[in-house]
PDB file of N, CA and C in Angstrom:
ATOM      1  N   MET A   1      -1.574 -65.240 -54.480  1.00  0.00           N
ATOM      2  CA  MET A   1      -1.992 -63.858 -54.813  1.00  0.00           C
ATOM      3  C   MET A   1      -1.437 -62.984 -53.640  1.00  0.00           C
ATOM      4  N   LYS A   2      -0.948 -61.669 -54.033  1.00  0.00           N
ATOM      5  CA  LYS A   2      -0.184 -60.815 -53.305  1.00  0.00           C
ATOM      6  C   LYS A   2      -1.244 -60.256 -52.130  1.00  0.00           C
ATOM      7  N   ASP A   3      -0.860 -59.828 -51.146  1.00  0.00           N
ATOM      8  CA  ASP A   3      -1.886 -59.126 -50.179  1.00  0.00           C
ATOM      9  C   ASP A   3      -1.597 -57.891 -50.452  1.00  0.00           C
ATOM     10  N   PRO A   4      -2.874 -57.051 -50.678  1.00  0.00           N
ATOM     11  CA  PRO A   4      -2.843 -55.670 -50.997  1.00  0.00           C
ATOM     12  C   PRO A   4      -2.130 -54.711 -49.921  1.00  0.00           C
ATOM     13  N   LEU A   5      -2.154 -55.296 -48.621  1.00  0.00           N
ATOM     14  CA  LEU A   5      -1.611 -54.481 -47.507  1.00  0.00           C
ATOM     15  C   LEU A   5       0.007 -54.444 -47.693  1.00  0.00           C
ATOM     16  N   ASP A   6       0.543 -55.555 -48.126  1.00  0.00           N
ATOM     17  CA  ASP A   6       1.977 -55.481 -48.522  1.00  0.00           C
ATOM     18  C   ASP A   6       2.579 -54.453 -49.393  1.00  0.00           C
ATOM     19  N   SER A   7       1.643 -54.128 -50.363  1.00  0.00           N
ATOM     20  CA  SER A   7       2.062 -53.038 -51.346  1.00  0.00           C
ATOM     21  C   SER A   7       1.772 -51.835 -50.657  1.00  0.00           C
ATOM     22  N   VAL A   8       0.690 -51.586 -49.957  1.00  0.00           N
ATOM     23  CA  VAL A   8       0.449 -50.394 -49.168  1.00  0.00           C
ATOM     24  C   VAL A   8       1.731 -50.090 -48.306  1.00  0.00           C
ATOM     25  N   GLU A   9       2.018 -50.974 -47.533  1.00  0.00           N
ATOM     26  CA  GLU A   9       3.175 -50.900 -46.541  1.00  0.00           C
ATOM     27  C   GLU A   9       4.420 -50.633 -47.194  1.00  0.00           C
ATOM     28  N   ASN A  10       4.686 -51.238 -48.458  1.00  0.00           N
ATOM     29  CA  ASN A  10       5.795 -51.061 -49.176  1.00  0.00           C
ATOM     30  C   ASN A  10       5.805 -49.861 -49.733  1.00  0.00           C
ATOM     31  N   ASP A  11       4.777 -49.137 -50.115  1.00  0.00           N
ATOM     32  CA  ASP A  11       4.570 -47.696 -50.903  1.00  0.00           C
ATOM     33  C   ASP A  11       4.984 -46.889 -49.600  1.00  0.00           C
ATOM     34  N   ALA A  12       4.458 -47.015 -48.278  1.00  0.00           N
ATOM     35  CA  ALA A  12       4.755 -46.199 -47.265  1.00  0.00           C
ATOM     36  C   ALA A  12       6.339 -46.197 -46.905  1.00  0.00           C
ATOM     37  N   GLN A  13       6.997 -47.434 -46.964  1.00  0.00           N
ATOM     38  CA  GLN A  13       8.299 -47.555 -46.794  1.00  0.00           C
ATOM     39  C   GLN A  13       9.156 -46.837 -47.971  1.00  0.00           C
ATOM     40  N   ILE A  14       8.652 -46.863 -49.035  1.00  0.00           N
ATOM     41  CA  ILE A  14       9.435 -46.077 -50.181  1.00  0.00           C
ATOM     42  C   ILE A  14       9.382 -44.593 -49.957  1.00  0.00           C
ATOM     43  N   ARG A  15       8.075 -44.205 -49.516  1.00  0.00           N
ATOM     44  CA  ARG A  15       7.837 -42.706 -49.201  1.00  0.00           C
ATOM     45  C   ARG A  15       8.865 -42.107 -48.079  1.00  0.00           C
ATOM     46  N   ARG A  16       8.799 -43.059 -47.131  1.00  0.00           N
ATOM     47  CA  ARG A  16       9.918 -42.608 -45.912  1.00  0.00           C
ATOM     48  C   ARG A  16      11.083 -42.515 -46.169  1.00  0.00           C
ATOM     49  N   THR A  17      11.719 -43.575 -47.121  1.00  0.00           N
ATOM     50  CA  THR A  17      12.966 -43.597 -47.646  1.00  0.00           C
ATOM     51  C   THR A  17      13.419 -42.596 -48.376  1.00  0.00           C
ATOM     52  N   ALA A  18      12.460 -42.022 -49.321  1.00  0.00           N
ATOM     53  CA  ALA A  18      12.628 -40.759 -50.215  1.00  0.00           C
ATOM     54  C   ALA A  18      12.871 -39.597 -49.220  1.00  0.00           C
ATOM     55  N   LEU A  19      11.961 -39.588 -48.102  1.00  0.00           N
ATOM     56  CA  LEU A  19      11.905 -38.424 -47.184  1.00  0.00           C
ATOM     57  C   LEU A  19      13.321 -38.361 -46.595  1.00  0.00           C
ATOM     58  N   TYR A  20      13.598 -39.411 -45.851  1.00  0.00           N
ATOM     59  CA  TYR A  20      14.648 -39.461 -45.013  1.00  0.00           C
ATOM     60  C   TYR A  20      16.032 -39.146 -45.839  1.00  0.00           C
ATOM     61  N   SER A  21      16.118 -39.841 -47.060  1.00  0.00           N
ATOM     62  CA  SER A  21      17.407 -39.567 -47.721  1.00  0.00           C
ATOM     63  C   SER A  21      17.577 -38.092 -48.256  1.00  0.00           C
ATOM     64  N   THR A  22      16.319 -37.561 -48.638  1.00  0.00           N
ATOM     65  CA  THR A  22      16.327 -36.070 -48.985  1.00  0.00           C
ATOM     66  C   THR A  22      16.851 -35.251 -47.688  1.00  0.00           C
ATOM     67  N   LEU A  23      16.108 -35.507 -46.575  1.00  0.00           N
ATOM     68  CA  LEU A  23      16.315 -34.724 -45.487  1.00  0.00           C
ATOM     69  C   LEU A  23      17.853 -34.844 -45.031  1.00  0.00           C
ATOM     70  N   ALA A  24      18.445 -36.037 -45.249  1.00  0.00           N
ATOM     71  CA  ALA A  24      19.875 -36.223 -44.797  1.00  0.00           C
ATOM     72  C   ALA A  24      20.726 -35.277 -45.541  1.00  0.00           C
ATOM     73  N   GLN A  25      20.429 -34.824 -46.753  1.00  0.00           N
ATOM     74  CA  GLN A  25      21.241 -33.909 -47.562  1.00  0.00           C
ATOM     75  C   GLN A  25      21.069 -32.508 -47.154  1.00  0.00           C
ATOM     76  N   VAL A  26      20.233 -32.109 -46.272  1.00  0.00           N
ATOM     77  CA  VAL A  26      20.109 -30.763 -45.792  1.00  0.00           C
ATOM     78  C   VAL A  26      21.353 -30.256 -45.228  1.00  0.00           C
ATOM     79  N   PRO A  27      22.119 -29.429 -45.745  1.00  0.00           N
ATOM     80  CA  PRO A  27      23.499 -29.081 -45.082  1.00  0.00           C
ATOM     81  C   PRO A  27      23.171 -28.288 -43.792  1.00  0.00           C
ATOM     82  N   GLU A  28      24.296 -28.417 -42.972  1.00  0.00           N
ATOM     83  CA  GLU A  28      24.327 -27.469 -41.673  1.00  0.00           C
ATOM     84  C   GLU A  28      24.142 -26.078 -42.027  1.00  0.00           C
ATOM     85  N   GLY A  29      23.468 -25.341 -41.171  1.00  0.00           N
ATOM     86  CA  GLY A  29      23.078 -23.805 -41.414  1.00  0.00           C
ATOM     87  C   GLY A  29      22.142 -23.576 -42.553  1.00  0.00           C
ATOM     88  N   LYS A  30      21.362 -24.622 -42.948  1.00  0.00           N
ATOM     89  CA  LYS A  30      20.462 -24.315 -43.984  1.00  0.00           C
ATOM     90  C   LYS A  30      19.033 -25.011 -43.538  1.00  0.00           C
ATOM     91  N   VAL A  31      18.020 -24.516 -43.990  1.00  0.00           N
ATOM     92  CA  VAL A  31      16.663 -24.924 -43.588  1.00  0.00           C
ATOM     93  C   VAL A  31      15.756 -25.179 -44.774  1.00  0.00           C
ATOM     94  N   VAL A  32      14.761 -26.006 -44.519  1.00  0.00           N
ATOM     95  CA  VAL A  32      13.852 -26.262 -45.746  1.00  0.00           C
ATOM     96  C   VAL A  32      12.348 -26.253 -45.027  1.00  0.00           C
ATOM     97  N   SER A  33      11.258 -25.818 -45.857  1.00  0.00           N
ATOM     98  CA  SER A  33       9.908 -26.063 -45.233  1.00  0.00           C
ATOM     99  C   SER A  33       9.518 -27.536 -45.337  1.00  0.00           C
ATOM    100  N   TYR A  34       8.457 -28.012 -44.632  1.00  0.00           N
ATOM    101  CA  TYR A  34       7.926 -29.154 -44.829  1.00  0.00           C
ATOM    102  C   TYR A  34       7.510 -29.453 -46.355  1.00  0.00           C
ATOM    103  N   GLY A  35       6.878 -28.404 -46.814  1.00  0.00           N
ATOM    104  CA  GLY A  35       6.327 -28.547 -48.257  1.00  0.00           C
ATOM    105  C   GLY A  35       7.515 -28.636 -49.267  1.00  0.00           C
ATOM    106  N   GLN A  36       8.478 -27.946 -48.948  1.00  0.00           N
ATOM    107  CA  GLN A  36       9.719 -27.978 -49.938  1.00  0.00           C
ATOM    108  C   GLN A  36      10.323 -29.334 -49.707  1.00  0.00           C
ATOM    109  N   LEU A  37      10.355 -29.870 -48.606  1.00  0.00           N
ATOM    110  CA  LEU A  37      11.207 -31.293 -48.545  1.00  0.00           C
ATOM    111  C   LEU A  37      10.307 -32.240 -49.096  1.00  0.00           C
ATOM    112  N   ALA A  38       8.924 -32.155 -48.929  1.00  0.00           N
ATOM    113  CA  ALA A  38       8.182 -33.110 -49.667  1.00  0.00           C
ATOM    114  C   ALA A  38       8.375 -33.136 -51.189  1.00  0.00           C
ATOM    115  N   GLU A  39       8.630 -31.853 -51.647  1.00  0.00           N
ATOM    116  CA  GLU A  39       8.608 -31.516 -53.056  1.00  0.00           C
ATOM    117  C   GLU A  39       9.949 -32.089 -53.696  1.00  0.00           C
ATOM    118  N   LEU A  40      11.014 -31.819 -52.817  1.00  0.00           N
ATOM    119  CA  LEU A  40      12.297 -32.378 -53.278  1.00  0.00           C
ATOM    120  C   LEU A  40      12.452 -33.718 -53.231  1.00  0.00           C
ATOM    121  N   ALA A  41      11.689 -34.488 -52.179  1.00  0.00           N
ATOM    122  CA  ALA A  41      11.708 -35.861 -52.099  1.00  0.00           C
ATOM    123  C   ALA A  41      10.861 -36.587 -53.162  1.00  0.00           C
ATOM    124  N   GLY A  42      10.064 -35.978 -53.835  1.00  0.00           N
ATOM    125  CA  GLY A  42       9.330 -36.416 -54.971  1.00  0.00           C
ATOM    126  C   GLY A  42       8.004 -36.829 -54.422  1.00  0.00           C
ATOM    127  N   LEU A  43       7.418 -36.315 -53.362  1.00  0.00           N
ATOM    128  CA  LEU A  43       6.267 -36.533 -52.781  1.00  0.00           C
ATOM    129  C   LEU A  43       5.159 -35.732 -53.072  1.00  0.00           C
ATOM    130  N   GLY A  44       5.476 -34.791 -53.955  1.00  0.00           N
ATOM    131  CA  GLY A  44       4.369 -33.869 -54.325  1.00  0.00           C
ATOM    132  C   GLY A  44       4.003 -32.908 -53.003  1.00  0.00           C
ATOM    133  N   ARG A  45       2.632 -32.491 -52.971  1.00  0.00           N
ATOM    134  CA  ARG A  45       2.253 -31.663 -51.955  1.00  0.00           C
ATOM    135  C   ARG A  45       1.815 -32.460 -50.669  1.00  0.00           C
ATOM    136  N   ALA A  46       2.972 -32.926 -49.767  1.00  0.00           N
ATOM    137  CA  ALA A  46       2.507 -33.636 -48.801  1.00  0.00           C
ATOM    138  C   ALA A  46       3.208 -33.195 -47.464  1.00  0.00           C
ATOM    139  N   ALA A  47       3.120 -31.840 -47.389  1.00  0.00           N
ATOM    140  CA  ALA A  47       3.862 -31.239 -46.165  1.00  0.00           C
ATOM    141  C   ALA A  47       3.234 -31.732 -44.978  1.00  0.00           C
ATOM    142  N   ARG A  48       1.960 -31.969 -44.774  1.00  0.00           N
ATOM    143  CA  ARG A  48       1.539 -32.368 -43.486  1.00  0.00           C
ATOM    144  C   ARG A  48       1.902 -33.846 -43.084  1.00  0.00           C
ATOM    145  N   TRP A  49       1.967 -34.627 -44.321  1.00  0.00           N
ATOM    146  CA  TRP A  49       2.374 -36.046 -44.067  1.00  0.00           C
ATOM    147  C   TRP A  49       4.002 -35.883 -43.706  1.00  0.00           C
ATOM    148  N   VAL A  50       4.764 -35.134 -44.207  1.00  0.00           N
ATOM    149  CA  VAL A  50       6.186 -35.021 -43.780  1.00  0.00           C
ATOM    150  C   VAL A  50       6.246 -34.628 -42.322  1.00  0.00           C
ATOM    151  N   GLY A  51       5.388 -33.619 -41.915  1.00  0.00           N
ATOM    152  CA  GLY A  51       5.319 -33.238 -40.529  1.00  0.00           C
ATOM    153  C   GLY A  51       5.028 -34.372 -39.617  1.00  0.00           C
ATOM    154  N   ARG A  52       4.188 -35.065 -39.889  1.00  0.00           N
ATOM    155  CA  ARG A  52       3.571 -36.207 -39.077  1.00  0.00           C
ATOM    156  C   ARG A  52       4.719 -37.307 -39.112  1.00  0.00           C
ATOM    157  N   THR A  53       5.093 -37.624 -40.181  1.00  0.00           N
ATOM    158  CA  THR A  53       6.296 -38.559 -40.273  1.00  0.00           C
ATOM    159  C   THR A  53       7.623 -38.335 -39.492  1.00  0.00           C
ATOM    160  N   LEU A  54       8.039 -36.981 -39.588  1.00  0.00           N
ATOM    161  CA  LEU A  54       9.088 -36.559 -38.766  1.00  0.00           C
ATOM    162  C   LEU A  54       8.792 -36.680 -37.314  1.00  0.00           C
ATOM    163  N   SER A  55       7.630 -36.457 -36.852  1.00  0.00           N
ATOM    164  CA  SER A  55       7.314 -36.296 -35.532  1.00  0.00           C
ATOM    165  C   SER A  55       7.351 -37.779 -34.913  1.00  0.00           C
ATOM    166  N   GLN A  56       7.473 -38.836 -35.711  1.00  0.00           N
ATOM    167  CA  GLN A  56       7.556 -40.170 -35.234  1.00  0.00           C
ATOM    168  C   GLN A  56       8.987 -40.703 -35.226  1.00  0.00           C
ATOM    169  N   LEU A  57       9.948 -39.809 -35.591  1.00  0.00           N
ATOM    170  CA  LEU A  57      11.343 -40.178 -35.708  1.00  0.00           C
ATOM    171  C   LEU A  57      11.829 -40.769 -34.071  1.00  0.00           C
ATOM    172  N   PRO A  58      12.637 -41.681 -34.121  1.00  0.00           N
ATOM    173  CA  PRO A  58      13.132 -41.956 -32.809  1.00  0.00           C
ATOM    174  C   PRO A  58      14.032 -40.796 -32.355  1.00  0.00           C
ATOM    175  N   GLY A  59      14.090 -40.765 -30.822  1.00  0.00           N
ATOM    176  CA  GLY A  59      14.543 -39.576 -30.137  1.00  0.00           C
ATOM    177  C   GLY A  59      16.200 -39.549 -30.536  1.00  0.00           C
ATOM    178  N   ASP A  60      16.674 -40.767 -30.842  1.00  0.00           N
ATOM    179  CA  ASP A  60      18.215 -40.553 -31.185  1.00  0.00           C
ATOM    180  C   ASP A  60      18.534 -40.630 -32.638  1.00  0.00           C
ATOM    181  N   THR A  61      17.684 -40.137 -33.424  1.00  0.00           N
ATOM    182  CA  THR A  61      17.892 -40.169 -34.889  1.00  0.00           C
ATOM    183  C   THR A  61      19.138 -39.230 -35.130  1.00  0.00           C
ATOM    184  N   LYS A  62      19.735 -39.516 -36.125  1.00  0.00           N
ATOM    185  CA  LYS A  62      20.785 -38.620 -36.789  1.00  0.00           C
ATOM    186  C   LYS A  62      20.367 -37.745 -37.705  1.00  0.00           C
ATOM    187  N   LEU A  63      19.133 -37.961 -38.342  1.00  0.00           N
ATOM    188  CA  LEU A  63      18.619 -37.091 -39.302  1.00  0.00           C
ATOM    189  C   LEU A  63      18.576 -35.564 -38.676  1.00  0.00           C
ATOM    190  N   PRO A  64      18.781 -34.474 -39.588  1.00  0.00           N
ATOM    191  CA  PRO A  64      18.581 -33.401 -39.335  1.00  0.00           C
ATOM    192  C   PRO A  64      17.244 -32.593 -39.207  1.00  0.00           C
ATOM    193  N   TRP A  65      16.170 -33.368 -38.478  1.00  0.00           N
ATOM    194  CA  TRP A  65      14.834 -32.757 -38.417  1.00  0.00           C
ATOM    195  C   TRP A  65      14.653 -31.457 -38.024  1.00  0.00           C
ATOM    196  N   HIS A  66      15.645 -31.011 -37.287  1.00  0.00           N
ATOM    197  CA  HIS A  66      15.622 -29.513 -36.787  1.00  0.00           C
ATOM    198  C   HIS A  66      15.666 -28.482 -37.818  1.00  0.00           C
ATOM    199  N   ARG A  67      16.208 -28.971 -38.995  1.00  0.00           N
ATOM    200  CA  ARG A  67      16.429 -27.893 -40.071  1.00  0.00           C
ATOM    201  C   ARG A  67      15.064 -27.870 -41.048  1.00  0.00           C
ATOM    202  N   VAL A  68      13.984 -28.512 -40.508  1.00  0.00           N
ATOM    203  CA  VAL A  68      12.522 -28.455 -41.310  1.00  0.00           C
ATOM    204  C   VAL A  68      11.639 -27.491 -40.510  1.00  0.00           C
ATOM    205  N   LEU A  69      11.124 -26.427 -41.326  1.00  0.00           N
ATOM    206  CA  LEU A  69      10.247 -25.578 -40.776  1.00  0.00           C
ATOM    207  C   LEU A  69       9.143 -25.477 -41.350  1.00  0.00           C
ATOM    208  N   GLY A  70       8.110 -24.677 -40.720  1.00  0.00           N
ATOM    209  CA  GLY A  70       6.724 -24.467 -41.251  1.00  0.00           C
ATOM    210  C   GLY A  70       6.965 -23.479 -42.471  1.00  0.00           C
ATOM    211  N   ALA A  71       5.793 -23.232 -43.122  1.00  0.00           N
ATOM    212  CA  ALA A  71       5.714 -22.126 -44.280  1.00  0.00           C
ATOM    213  C   ALA A  71       6.352 -20.943 -43.736  1.00  0.00           C
ATOM    214  N   GLY A  72       7.203 -20.235 -44.634  1.00  0.00           N
ATOM    215  CA  GLY A  72       7.741 -19.008 -44.433  1.00  0.00           C
ATOM    216  C   GLY A  72       8.807 -18.880 -43.200  1.00  0.00           C
ATOM    217  N   GLY A  73       9.292 -20.179 -42.994  1.00  0.00           N
ATOM    218  CA  GLY A  73      10.240 -20.146 -42.001  1.00  0.00           C
ATOM    219  C   GLY A  73       9.779 -20.174 -40.526  1.00  0.00           C
ATOM    220  N   ARG A  74       8.626 -20.451 -40.270  1.00  0.00           N
ATOM    221  CA  ARG A  74       7.908 -20.554 -38.996  1.00  0.00           C
ATOM    222  C   ARG A  74       8.338 -21.693 -38.359  1.00  0.00           C
ATOM    223  N   ILE A  75       8.767 -21.790 -37.105  1.00  0.00           N
ATOM    224  CA  ILE A  75       9.031 -22.929 -36.231  1.00  0.00           C
ATOM    225  C   ILE A  75       7.718 -23.512 -35.742  1.00  0.00           C
ATOM    226  N   SER A  76       7.250 -24.686 -36.037  1.00  0.00           N
ATOM    227  CA  SER A  76       6.037 -25.420 -35.720  1.00  0.00           C
ATOM    228  C   SER A  76       5.964 -25.827 -34.367  1.00  0.00           C
ATOM    229  N   LEU A  77       7.024 -26.195 -33.817  1.00  0.00           N
ATOM    230  CA  LEU A  77       6.998 -26.644 -32.384  1.00  0.00           C
ATOM    231  C   LEU A  77       6.856 -25.546 -31.224  1.00  0.00           C
ATOM    232  N   PRO A  78       6.028 -25.689 -30.374  1.00  0.00           N
ATOM    233  CA  PRO A  78       5.777 -24.665 -29.385  1.00  0.00           C
ATOM    234  C   PRO A  78       7.040 -24.256 -28.520  1.00  0.00           C
ATOM    235  N   VAL A  79       6.956 -23.110 -28.350  1.00  0.00           N
ATOM    236  CA  VAL A  79       8.037 -22.417 -27.475  1.00  0.00           C
ATOM    237  C   VAL A  79       7.878 -23.033 -26.234  1.00  0.00           C
ATOM    238  N   GLY A  80       8.961 -23.483 -25.520  1.00  0.00           N
ATOM    239  CA  GLY A  80       8.816 -24.151 -24.123  1.00  0.00           C
ATOM    240  C   GLY A  80       8.746 -25.633 -23.995  1.00  0.00           C
ATOM    241  N   SER A  81       8.279 -26.232 -25.394  1.00  0.00           N
ATOM    242  CA  SER A  81       8.217 -27.608 -25.522  1.00  0.00           C
ATOM    243  C   SER A  81       9.676 -28.186 -25.473  1.00  0.00           C
ATOM    244  N   PRO A  82       9.953 -29.390 -25.076  1.00  0.00           N
ATOM    245  CA  PRO A  82      11.368 -29.791 -25.035  1.00  0.00           C
ATOM    246  C   PRO A  82      11.933 -29.963 -26.586  1.00  0.00           C
ATOM    247  N   SER A  83      11.005 -30.363 -27.384  1.00  0.00           N
ATOM    248  CA  SER A  83      11.544 -30.571 -28.788  1.00  0.00           C
ATOM    249  C   SER A  83      11.679 -29.244 -29.425  1.00  0.00           C
ATOM    250  N   GLY A  84      10.592 -28.356 -29.115  1.00  0.00           N
ATOM    251  CA  GLY A  84      10.745 -27.005 -29.745  1.00  0.00           C
ATOM    252  C   GLY A  84      12.016 -26.269 -29.063  1.00  0.00           C
ATOM    253  N   ASP A  85      12.274 -26.347 -27.949  1.00  0.00           N
ATOM    254  CA  ASP A  85      13.512 -25.712 -27.288  1.00  0.00           C
ATOM    255  C   ASP A  85      14.750 -26.392 -27.999  1.00  0.00           C
ATOM    256  N   GLU A  86      14.764 -27.706 -28.208  1.00  0.00           N
ATOM    257  CA  GLU A  86      15.980 -28.359 -28.746  1.00  0.00           C
ATOM    258  C   GLU A  86      16.144 -27.816 -30.300  1.00  0.00           C
ATOM    259  N   GLN A  87      15.109 -27.797 -30.907  1.00  0.00           N
ATOM    260  CA  GLN A  87      15.143 -27.371 -32.317  1.00  0.00           C
ATOM    261  C   GLN A  87      15.799 -25.818 -32.444  1.00  0.00           C
ATOM    262  N   ARG A  88      15.248 -25.091 -31.489  1.00  0.00           N
ATOM    263  CA  ARG A  88      15.784 -23.632 -31.540  1.00  0.00           C
ATOM    264  C   ARG A  88      17.427 -23.613 -31.242  1.00  0.00           C
ATOM    265  N   ALA A  89      17.580 -24.351 -30.186  1.00  0.00           N
ATOM    266  CA  ALA A  89      19.036 -24.444 -29.918  1.00  0.00           C
ATOM    267  C   ALA A  89      20.013 -25.045 -30.863  1.00  0.00           C
ATOM    268  N   ARG A  90      19.453 -26.152 -31.520  1.00  0.00           N
ATOM    269  CA  ARG A  90      20.231 -26.704 -32.600  1.00  0.00           C
ATOM    270  C   ARG A  90      20.459 -25.720 -33.775  1.00  0.00           C
ATOM    271  N   LEU A  91      19.408 -25.035 -34.052  1.00  0.00           N
ATOM    272  CA  LEU A  91      19.468 -24.111 -35.292  1.00  0.00           C
ATOM    273  C   LEU A  91      20.446 -22.909 -34.857  1.00  0.00           C
ATOM    274  N   ARG A  92      20.367 -22.462 -33.660  1.00  0.00           N
ATOM    275  CA  ARG A  92      21.491 -21.449 -33.254  1.00  0.00           C
ATOM    276  C   ARG A  92      22.815 -21.950 -33.273  1.00  0.00           C
ATOM    277  N   MET A  93      22.981 -23.089 -32.838  1.00  0.00           N
ATOM    278  CA  MET A  93      24.259 -23.738 -32.860  1.00  0.00           C
ATOM    279  C   MET A  93      24.901 -23.812 -34.229  1.00  0.00           C
ATOM    280  N   GLU A  94      23.904 -23.692 -35.288  1.00  0.00           N
ATOM    281  CA  GLU A  94      24.432 -23.902 -36.674  1.00  0.00           C
ATOM    282  C   GLU A  94      24.678 -22.485 -37.236  1.00  0.00           C
ATOM    283  N   GLY A  95      24.295 -21.456 -36.417  1.00  0.00           N
ATOM    284  CA  GLY A  95      24.479 -20.107 -36.956  1.00  0.00           C
ATOM    285  C   GLY A  95      23.318 -19.531 -37.451  1.00  0.00           C
ATOM    286  N   ILE A  96      22.157 -20.205 -37.190  1.00  0.00           N
ATOM    287  CA  ILE A  96      20.821 -19.639 -37.955  1.00  0.00           C
ATOM    288  C   ILE A  96      20.144 -18.717 -36.778  1.00  0.00           C
ATOM    289  N   THR A  97      19.881 -17.630 -37.388  1.00  0.00           N
ATOM    290  CA  THR A  97      19.157 -16.597 -36.386  1.00  0.00           C
ATOM    291  C   THR A  97      17.594 -17.081 -36.310  1.00  0.00           C
ATOM    292  N   VAL A  98      17.157 -17.134 -35.092  1.00  0.00           N
ATOM    293  CA  VAL A  98      15.698 -17.399 -34.831  1.00  0.00           C
ATOM    294  C   VAL A  98      15.166 -15.981 -34.239  1.00  0.00           C
ATOM    295  N   LEU A  99      14.450 -15.469 -34.830  1.00  0.00           N
ATOM    296  CA  LEU A  99      13.673 -14.191 -34.413  1.00  0.00           C
ATOM    297  C   LEU A  99      12.243 -14.414 -34.519  1.00  0.00           C
ATOM    298  N   ASN A 100      11.548 -14.118 -33.218  1.00  0.00           N
ATOM    299  CA  ASN A 100      10.126 -14.285 -33.311  1.00  0.00           C
ATOM    300  C   ASN A 100       9.476 -15.508 -33.797  1.00  0.00           C
ATOM    301  N   ASN A 101      10.301 -16.545 -33.391  1.00  0.00           N
ATOM    302  CA  ASN A 101       9.906 -17.985 -33.669  1.00  0.00           C
ATOM    303  C   ASN A 101      10.023 -18.260 -35.198  1.00  0.00           C
ATOM    304  N   ARG A 102      10.824 -17.400 -35.985  1.00  0.00           N
ATOM    305  CA  ARG A 102      10.952 -17.402 -37.242  1.00  0.00           C
ATOM    306  C   ARG A 102      12.470 -17.616 -37.716  1.00  0.00           C
ATOM    307  N   VAL A 103      12.705 -18.210 -38.805  1.00  0.00           N
ATOM    308  CA  VAL A 103      14.083 -18.212 -39.480  1.00  0.00           C
ATOM    309  C   VAL A 103      13.734 -17.502 -40.862  1.00  0.00           C
ATOM    310  N   ASP A 104      14.627 -16.652 -41.273  1.00  0.00           N
ATOM    311  CA  ASP A 104      14.827 -16.027 -42.398  1.00  0.00           C
ATOM    312  C   ASP A 104      15.124 -16.936 -43.742  1.00  0.00           C
ATOM    313  N   ILE A 105      13.951 -17.433 -44.366  1.00  0.00           N
ATOM    314  CA  ILE A 105      14.169 -18.432 -45.318  1.00  0.00           C
ATOM    315  C   ILE A 105      14.963 -17.795 -46.517  1.00  0.00           C
ATOM    316  N   ARG A 106      14.915 -16.670 -46.885  1.00  0.00           N
ATOM    317  CA  ARG A 106      15.745 -15.933 -47.842  1.00  0.00           C
ATOM    318  C   ARG A 106      17.297 -16.313 -47.667  1.00  0.00           C
ATOM    319  N   ARG A 107      17.584 -15.883 -46.325  1.00  0.00           N
ATOM    320  CA  ARG A 107      18.937 -15.978 -45.926  1.00  0.00           C
ATOM    321  C   ARG A 107      19.580 -17.450 -45.628  1.00  0.00           C
ATOM    322  N   HIS A 108      18.709 -18.153 -45.094  1.00  0.00           N
ATOM    323  CA  HIS A 108      19.105 -19.466 -44.786  1.00  0.00           C
ATOM    324  C   HIS A 108      18.376 -20.780 -45.445  1.00  0.00           C
ATOM    325  N   GLY A 109      17.528 -20.515 -46.340  1.00  0.00           N
ATOM    326  CA  GLY A 109      16.896 -21.574 -47.127  1.00  0.00           C
ATOM    327  C   GLY A 109      17.908 -22.413 -47.958  1.00  0.00           C
ATOM    328  N   TRP A 110      17.586 -23.528 -47.997  1.00  0.00           N
ATOM    329  CA  TRP A 110      18.491 -24.538 -48.767  1.00  0.00           C
ATOM    330  C   TRP A 110      17.908 -24.664 -50.224  1.00  0.00           C
ATOM    331  N   ARG A 111      18.685 -24.311 -51.091  1.00  0.00           N
ATOM    332  CA  ARG A 111      18.330 -24.380 -52.587  1.00  0.00           C
ATOM    333  C   ARG A 111      19.230 -25.379 -53.322  1.00  0.00           C
ATOM    334  N   PRO A 112      18.898 -26.632 -53.322  1.00  0.00           N
ATOM    335  CA  PRO A 112      19.976 -27.654 -53.902  1.00  0.00           C
ATOM    336  C   PRO A 112      19.990 -27.112 -55.437  1.00  0.00           C
ATOM    337  N   VAL A 113      21.150 -27.456 -55.954  1.00  0.00           N
ATOM    338  CA  VAL A 113      21.581 -27.069 -57.421  1.00  0.00           C
ATOM    339  C   VAL A 113      20.737 -28.119 -58.165  1.00  0.00           C
ATOM    340  N   GLU A 114      19.932 -27.622 -59.174  1.00  0.00           N
ATOM    341  CA  GLU A 114      19.485 -28.426 -60.173  1.00  0.00           C
ATOM    342  C   GLU A 114      20.341 -28.863 -61.240  1.00  0.00           C
ATOM    343  N   HIS A 115      20.453 -30.016 -61.569  1.00  0.00           N
ATOM    344  CA  HIS A 115      21.590 -30.545 -62.484  1.00  0.00           C
ATOM    345  C   HIS A 115      20.701 -30.893 -63.850  1.00  0.00           C
ATOM    346  N   SER A 116      20.884 -30.079 -64.805  1.00  0.00           N
ATOM    347  CA  SER A 116      20.070 -30.447 -66.048  1.00  0.00           C
ATOM    348  C   SER A 116      21.009 -31.207 -67.024  1.00  0.00           C
ATOM    349  N   GLY A 117      20.492 -32.344 -67.637  1.00  0.00           N
ATOM    350  CA  GLY A 117      21.298 -33.226 -68.327  1.00  0.00           C
ATOM    351  C   GLY A 117      21.759 -32.717 -69.776  1.00  0.00           C
TER     352      GLY A 117
END
């Protein structure tokens, strides 16, 4: 008989894989919100889960975690925190304007092209 914990762990891994592969597609100079990233990854309304999962990425990750913002373009990480300062610096290096701890989502938001069959 299968251990039910195996399928729970497997589901979690599938969710993380969907999240990471979607995040990897966010192009330089563009941003997404936690909620939009969850939606694009097929995870529904899982913005908080996305935030928690991204906070657990290893320090040397190649994923562009810095391109993920709170609702309305708000930077969630505190000003003055090492990760918050790094996020702001990375965004600015990509040509994204950070003003009052926000990014203009209309200008810098990523809108992947929907391909209809």
